[in-house]
PDB file of N, CA and C in Angstrom:
ATOM      1  N   UNK A   1       0.967  -1.008   0.059  1.00  0.00           N
ATOM      2  CA  UNK A   1       0.011   0.114   0.218  1.00  0.00           C
ATOM      3  C   UNK A   1       0.567   1.234  -0.007  1.00  0.00           C
ATOM      4  N   UNK A   2       0.709   2.133  -1.272  1.00  0.00           N
ATOM      5  CA  UNK A   2       1.291   3.429  -0.951  1.00  0.00           C
ATOM      6  C   UNK A   2       0.193   4.734  -0.523  1.00  0.00           C
ATOM      7  N   UNK A   3       0.668   5.124   0.324  1.00  0.00           N
ATOM      8  CA  UNK A   3      -0.282   6.013   1.645  1.00  0.00           C
ATOM      9  C   UNK A   3       0.518   7.552   0.299  1.00  0.00           C
ATOM     10  N   UNK A   4      -0.787   8.542  -0.114  1.00  0.00           N
ATOM     11  CA  UNK A   4       0.294   9.568  -0.427  1.00  0.00           C
ATOM     12  C   UNK A   4      -0.935  10.677   0.286  1.00  0.00           C
ATOM     13  N   UNK A   5      -0.229  11.664   0.467  1.00  0.00           N
ATOM     14  CA  UNK A   5      -1.319  12.943   0.931  1.00  0.00           C
ATOM     15  C   UNK A   5      -1.058  13.944   0.030  1.00  0.00           C
ATOM     16  N   UNK A   6      -2.670  14.078  -0.651  1.00  0.00           N
ATOM     17  CA  UNK A   6      -2.748  15.041  -1.760  1.00  0.00           C
ATOM     18  C   UNK A   6      -2.482  16.862  -1.151  1.00  0.00           C
ATOM     19  N   UNK A   7      -3.072  17.292  -2.127  1.00  0.00           N
ATOM     20  CA  UNK A   7      -2.745  18.953  -1.819  1.00  0.00           C
ATOM     21  C   UNK A   7      -3.565  19.275  -0.623  1.00  0.00           C
ATOM     22  N   UNK A   8      -4.913  19.087   0.073  1.00  0.00           N
ATOM     23  CA  UNK A   8      -5.752  19.241   0.386  1.00  0.00           C
ATOM     24  C   UNK A   8      -5.432  18.564   1.847  1.00  0.00           C
ATOM     25  N   UNK A   9      -4.691  17.669   1.835  1.00  0.00           N
ATOM     26  CA  UNK A   9      -4.543  17.157   2.961  1.00  0.00           C
ATOM     27  C   UNK A   9      -4.806  15.656   3.114  1.00  0.00           C
ATOM     28  N   UNK A  10      -5.394  15.433   2.644  1.00  0.00           N
ATOM     29  CA  UNK A  10      -6.462  13.943   2.519  1.00  0.00           C
ATOM     30  C   UNK A  10      -5.381  13.118   2.382  1.00  0.00           C
ATOM     31  N   UNK A  11      -5.577  11.388   2.838  1.00  0.00           N
ATOM     32  CA  UNK A  11      -4.108  10.131   2.572  1.00  0.00           C
ATOM     33  C   UNK A  11      -5.637   9.275   2.095  1.00  0.00           C
ATOM     34  N   UNK A  12      -4.467   9.108   0.626  1.00  0.00           N
ATOM     35  CA  UNK A  12      -5.363   7.795   0.410  1.00  0.00           C
ATOM     36  C   UNK A  12      -4.422   6.882  -0.408  1.00  0.00           C
ATOM     37  N   UNK A  13      -4.523   5.841  -0.859  1.00  0.00           N
ATOM     38  CA  UNK A  13      -3.633   4.442  -1.154  1.00  0.00           C
ATOM     39  C   UNK A  13      -3.529   4.742  -2.548  1.00  0.00           C
ATOM     40  N   UNK A  14      -2.453   4.895  -3.250  1.00  0.00           N
ATOM     41  CA  UNK A  14      -2.244   5.568  -4.510  1.00  0.00           C
ATOM     42  C   UNK A  14      -1.763   4.011  -5.080  1.00  0.00           C
ATOM     43  N   UNK A  15      -2.165   3.496  -4.878  1.00  0.00           N
ATOM     44  CA  UNK A  15      -2.002   1.576  -5.591  1.00  0.00           C
ATOM     45  C   UNK A  15      -3.259   1.732  -5.777  1.00  0.00           C
ATOM     46  N   UNK A  16      -4.470   2.034  -5.520  1.00  0.00           N
ATOM     47  CA  UNK A  16      -5.887   1.898  -5.635  1.00  0.00           C
ATOM     48  C   UNK A  16      -6.314   2.990  -6.573  1.00  0.00           C
ATOM     49  N   UNK A  17      -5.728   3.976  -6.503  1.00  0.00           N
ATOM     50  CA  UNK A  17      -6.273   5.302  -6.857  1.00  0.00           C
ATOM     51  C   UNK A  17      -5.385   6.236  -7.325  1.00  0.00           C
ATOM     52  N   UNK A  18      -5.662   6.498  -9.007  1.00  0.00           N
ATOM     53  CA  UNK A  18      -4.863   7.552  -9.467  1.00  0.00           C
ATOM     54  C   UNK A  18      -4.520   9.059  -8.846  1.00  0.00           C
ATOM     55  N   UNK A  19      -5.893   9.678  -8.313  1.00  0.00           N
ATOM     56  CA  UNK A  19      -5.896  11.060  -7.714  1.00  0.00           C
ATOM     57  C   UNK A  19      -6.609  10.902  -6.228  1.00  0.00           C
ATOM     58  N   UNK A  20      -6.675  11.515  -5.587  1.00  0.00           N
ATOM     59  CA  UNK A  20      -7.450  11.810  -4.701  1.00  0.00           C
ATOM     60  C   UNK A  20      -8.821  11.555  -4.592  1.00  0.00           C
ATOM     61  N   UNK A  21      -9.437  10.670  -4.099  1.00  0.00           N
ATOM     62  CA  UNK A  21     -10.832   9.824  -4.148  1.00  0.00           C
ATOM     63  C   UNK A  21     -11.812  10.740  -2.974  1.00  0.00           C
ATOM     64  N   UNK A  22     -11.137  11.152  -2.462  1.00  0.00           N
ATOM     65  CA  UNK A  22     -11.974  12.657  -1.304  1.00  0.00           C
ATOM     66  C   UNK A  22     -12.307  13.478  -2.099  1.00  0.00           C
ATOM     67  N   UNK A  23     -11.296  14.233  -2.696  1.00  0.00           N
ATOM     68  CA  UNK A  23     -11.348  15.451  -3.368  1.00  0.00           C
ATOM     69  C   UNK A  23     -12.167  14.959  -4.743  1.00  0.00           C
ATOM     70  N   UNK A  24     -12.462  14.071  -5.272  1.00  0.00           N
ATOM     71  CA  UNK A  24     -13.119  13.910  -6.192  1.00  0.00           C
ATOM     72  C   UNK A  24     -14.705  13.758  -5.529  1.00  0.00           C
ATOM     73  N   UNK A  25     -15.037  12.797  -4.872  1.00  0.00           N
ATOM     74  CA  UNK A  25     -16.439  13.367  -3.515  1.00  0.00           C
ATOM     75  C   UNK A  25     -16.676  14.428  -3.848  1.00  0.00           C
ATOM     76  N   UNK A  26     -15.963  15.304  -2.869  1.00  0.00           N
ATOM     77  CA  UNK A  26     -16.470  16.433  -2.882  1.00  0.00           C
ATOM     78  C   UNK A  26     -16.596  17.448  -4.259  1.00  0.00           C
ATOM     79  N   UNK A  27     -15.816  17.280  -5.122  1.00  0.00           N
ATOM     80  CA  UNK A  27     -15.654  18.366  -6.595  1.00  0.00           C
ATOM     81  C   UNK A  27     -17.366  17.652  -6.783  1.00  0.00           C
ATOM     82  N   UNK A  28     -17.741  16.473  -6.351  1.00  0.00           N
ATOM     83  CA  UNK A  28     -19.021  15.925  -7.551  1.00  0.00           C
ATOM     84  C   UNK A  28     -19.955  16.281  -6.342  1.00  0.00           C
ATOM     85  N   UNK A  29     -19.972  16.785  -5.349  1.00  0.00           N
ATOM     86  CA  UNK A  29     -20.821  17.296  -4.269  1.00  0.00           C
ATOM     87  C   UNK A  29     -21.455  18.728  -4.329  1.00  0.00           C
ATOM     88  N   UNK A  30     -19.874  19.311  -4.743  1.00  0.00           N
ATOM     89  CA  UNK A  30     -20.323  20.931  -5.407  1.00  0.00           C
ATOM     90  C   UNK A  30     -20.673  20.715  -6.314  1.00  0.00           C
ATOM     91  N   UNK A  31     -20.608  19.601  -7.370  1.00  0.00           N
ATOM     92  CA  UNK A  31     -21.415  20.117  -9.186  1.00  0.00           C
ATOM     93  C   UNK A  31     -23.031  20.038  -8.724  1.00  0.00           C
ATOM     94  N   UNK A  32     -23.360  19.110  -7.924  1.00  0.00           N
ATOM     95  CA  UNK A  32     -24.504  18.628  -7.723  1.00  0.00           C
ATOM     96  C   UNK A  32     -25.039  19.630  -7.306  1.00  0.00           C
ATOM     97  N   UNK A  33     -24.584  20.533  -6.031  1.00  0.00           N
ATOM     98  CA  UNK A  33     -24.766  21.493  -5.184  1.00  0.00           C
ATOM     99  C   UNK A  33     -25.246  22.782  -6.539  1.00  0.00           C
ATOM    100  N   UNK A  34     -24.227  22.791  -6.928  1.00  0.00           N
ATOM    101  CA  UNK A  34     -24.720  23.504  -7.897  1.00  0.00           C
ATOM    102  C   UNK A  34     -25.598  23.634  -8.764  1.00  0.00           C
ATOM    103  N   UNK A  35     -26.153  22.634  -9.035  1.00  0.00           N
ATOM    104  CA  UNK A  35     -27.227  22.115 -10.079  1.00  0.00           C
ATOM    105  C   UNK A  35     -28.315  21.939  -9.833  1.00  0.00           C
ATOM    106  N   UNK A  36     -28.451  21.583  -7.920  1.00  0.00           N
ATOM    107  CA  UNK A  36     -29.341  22.142  -7.708  1.00  0.00           C
ATOM    108  C   UNK A  36     -29.914  23.350  -7.780  1.00  0.00           C
ATOM    109  N   UNK A  37     -29.260  24.382  -7.487  1.00  0.00           N
ATOM    110  CA  UNK A  37     -29.472  25.828  -7.091  1.00  0.00           C
ATOM    111  C   UNK A  37     -29.741  26.083  -8.751  1.00  0.00           C
ATOM    112  N   UNK A  38     -29.369  25.833  -9.606  1.00  0.00           N
ATOM    113  CA  UNK A  38     -29.695  26.470 -10.692  1.00  0.00           C
ATOM    114  C   UNK A  38     -30.678  26.024 -11.170  1.00  0.00           C
ATOM    115  N   UNK A  39     -31.268  24.748 -10.735  1.00  0.00           N
ATOM    116  CA  UNK A  39     -32.715  23.841 -10.980  1.00  0.00           C
ATOM    117  C   UNK A  39     -33.911  25.283 -10.133  1.00  0.00           C
ATOM    118  N   UNK A  40     -33.089  25.247  -8.795  1.00  0.00           N
ATOM    119  CA  UNK A  40     -34.560  26.146  -8.164  1.00  0.00           C
ATOM    120  C   UNK A  40     -34.567  27.369  -8.311  1.00  0.00           C
ATOM    121  N   UNK A  41     -33.465  28.276  -9.339  1.00  0.00           N
ATOM    122  CA  UNK A  41     -33.847  29.256  -9.642  1.00  0.00           C
ATOM    123  C   UNK A  41     -34.448  29.187 -10.645  1.00  0.00           C
ATOM    124  N   UNK A  42     -34.467  28.370 -11.597  1.00  0.00           N
ATOM    125  CA  UNK A  42     -35.122  28.124 -12.746  1.00  0.00           C
ATOM    126  C   UNK A  42     -36.923  28.209 -12.516  1.00  0.00           C
ATOM    127  N   UNK A  43     -36.986  26.950 -11.411  1.00  0.00           N
ATOM    128  CA  UNK A  43     -38.373  26.842 -11.173  1.00  0.00           C
ATOM    129  C   UNK A  43     -38.776  28.120 -10.524  1.00  0.00           C
ATOM    130  N   UNK A  44     -38.424  28.306  -9.657  1.00  0.00           N
ATOM    131  CA  UNK A  44     -38.884  29.585  -9.614  1.00  0.00           C
ATOM    132  C   UNK A  44     -39.111  30.920 -10.161  1.00  0.00           C
ATOM    133  N   UNK A  45     -38.158  31.165 -11.358  1.00  0.00           N
ATOM    134  CA  UNK A  45     -38.387  31.844 -12.444  1.00  0.00           C
ATOM    135  C   UNK A  45     -39.863  31.437 -13.380  1.00  0.00           C
ATOM    136  N   UNK A  46     -40.098  30.319 -13.296  1.00  0.00           N
ATOM    137  CA  UNK A  46     -41.037  29.699 -14.343  1.00  0.00           C
ATOM    138  C   UNK A  46     -42.094  30.003 -13.490  1.00  0.00           C
ATOM    139  N   UNK A  47     -42.599  29.808 -12.089  1.00  0.00           N
ATOM    140  CA  UNK A  47     -43.576  29.912 -11.322  1.00  0.00           C
ATOM    141  C   UNK A  47     -44.028  31.724 -11.586  1.00  0.00           C
ATOM    142  N   UNK A  48     -42.802  32.415 -11.229  1.00  0.00           N
ATOM    143  CA  UNK A  48     -42.764  34.201 -11.272  1.00  0.00           C
ATOM    144  C   UNK A  48     -43.604  34.413 -12.900  1.00  0.00           C
ATOM    145  N   UNK A  49     -43.002  33.915 -14.180  1.00  0.00           N
ATOM    146  CA  UNK A  49     -43.491  33.719 -14.882  1.00  0.00           C
ATOM    147  C   UNK A  49     -45.074  33.160 -15.369  1.00  0.00           C
ATOM    148  N   UNK A  50     -45.553  32.052 -14.834  1.00  0.00           N
ATOM    149  CA  UNK A  50     -46.723  31.211 -14.855  1.00  0.00           C
ATOM    150  C   UNK A  50     -47.612  32.405 -14.175  1.00  0.00           C
ATOM    151  N   UNK A  51     -47.407  33.087 -12.626  1.00  0.00           N
ATOM    152  CA  UNK A  51     -48.015  33.786 -11.897  1.00  0.00           C
ATOM    153  C   UNK A  51     -48.256  35.130 -12.592  1.00  0.00           C
ATOM    154  N   UNK A  52     -47.348  35.722 -13.602  1.00  0.00           N
ATOM    155  CA  UNK A  52     -47.991  36.894 -14.095  1.00  0.00           C
ATOM    156  C   UNK A  52     -48.609  36.831 -15.666  1.00  0.00           C
ATOM    157  N   UNK A  53     -48.732  35.302 -16.171  1.00  0.00           N
ATOM    158  CA  UNK A  53     -49.545  34.900 -17.506  1.00  0.00           C
ATOM    159  C   UNK A  53     -51.013  34.990 -16.845  1.00  0.00           C
ATOM    160  N   UNK A  54     -51.079  34.543 -15.471  1.00  0.00           N
ATOM    161  CA  UNK A  54     -52.377  34.331 -15.043  1.00  0.00           C
ATOM    162  C   UNK A  54     -52.777  35.484 -14.596  1.00  0.00           C
ATOM    163  N   UNK A  55     -52.103  36.528 -14.142  1.00  0.00           N
ATOM    164  CA  UNK A  55     -52.824  37.405 -13.530  1.00  0.00           C
ATOM    165  C   UNK A  55     -52.868  38.219 -15.106  1.00  0.00           C
ATOM    166  N   UNK A  56     -52.212  38.229 -16.045  1.00  0.00           N
ATOM    167  CA  UNK A  56     -52.829  39.329 -17.464  1.00  0.00           C
ATOM    168  C   UNK A  56     -54.146  38.803 -17.945  1.00  0.00           C
ATOM    169  N   UNK A  57     -53.948  37.177 -17.892  1.00  0.00           N
ATOM    170  CA  UNK A  57     -55.304  36.549 -18.432  1.00  0.00           C
ATOM    171  C   UNK A  57     -56.390  36.839 -17.678  1.00  0.00           C
ATOM    172  N   UNK A  58     -56.564  37.551 -16.769  1.00  0.00           N
ATOM    173  CA  UNK A  58     -57.794  37.660 -15.605  1.00  0.00           C
ATOM    174  C   UNK A  58     -57.792  38.901 -15.657  1.00  0.00           C
ATOM    175  N   UNK A  59     -56.978  39.439 -15.786  1.00  0.00           N
ATOM    176  CA  UNK A  59     -57.169  41.057 -16.358  1.00  0.00           C
ATOM    177  C   UNK A  59     -57.463  40.635 -17.421  1.00  0.00           C
ATOM    178  N   UNK A  60     -57.339  40.537 -18.776  1.00  0.00           N
ATOM    179  CA  UNK A  60     -57.708  40.841 -19.936  1.00  0.00           C
ATOM    180  C   UNK A  60     -59.557  39.775 -19.997  1.00  0.00           C
ATOM    181  N   UNK A  61     -59.395  38.922 -19.185  1.00  0.00           N
ATOM    182  CA  UNK A  61     -60.836  38.362 -19.350  1.00  0.00           C
ATOM    183  C   UNK A  61     -62.151  39.597 -18.480  1.00  0.00           C
ATOM    184  N   UNK A  62     -61.374  39.925 -17.383  1.00  0.00           N
ATOM    185  CA  UNK A  62     -62.502  41.770 -16.777  1.00  0.00           C
ATOM    186  C   UNK A  62     -62.410  42.430 -17.198  1.00  0.00           C
ATOM    187  N   UNK A  63     -61.614  42.747 -18.695  1.00  0.00           N
ATOM    188  CA  UNK A  63     -61.815  44.133 -19.453  1.00  0.00           C
ATOM    189  C   UNK A  63     -62.512  43.708 -20.230  1.00  0.00           C
ATOM    190  N   UNK A  64     -63.064  41.948 -21.083  1.00  0.00           N
ATOM    191  CA  UNK A  64     -63.953  41.672 -22.031  1.00  0.00           C
ATOM    192  C   UNK A  64     -64.894  41.869 -21.347  1.00  0.00           C
ATOM    193  N   UNK A  65     -65.265  41.295 -20.273  1.00  0.00           N
ATOM    194  CA  UNK A  65     -66.759  41.128 -19.731  1.00  0.00           C
ATOM    195  C   UNK A  65     -66.898  42.445 -19.204  1.00  0.00           C
ATOM    196  N   UNK A  66     -66.424  43.446 -18.481  1.00  0.00           N
ATOM    197  CA  UNK A  66     -66.701  44.961 -18.249  1.00  0.00           C
ATOM    198  C   UNK A  66     -67.335  45.475 -19.371  1.00  0.00           C
ATOM    199  N   UNK A  67     -66.821  45.258 -20.740  1.00  0.00           N
ATOM    200  CA  UNK A  67     -66.814  45.652 -21.802  1.00  0.00           C
ATOM    201  C   UNK A  67     -68.818  45.974 -22.319  1.00  0.00           C
TER     202      UNK A  67
END
């Protein structure tokens, strides 16, 4: 077993891994978090757009009804 320390001070077996598996896990978690945040922003924008569209539809229906 060849114990190596990466730049972020994690220890790993270099005989089993070409690079630090701990850093790979942390990098993947960060990517997943970024993806979830982007999806949440997109769904918030879609909800606002839907809400605005409904409000516009109601206004137009009221205009037609009152005419």
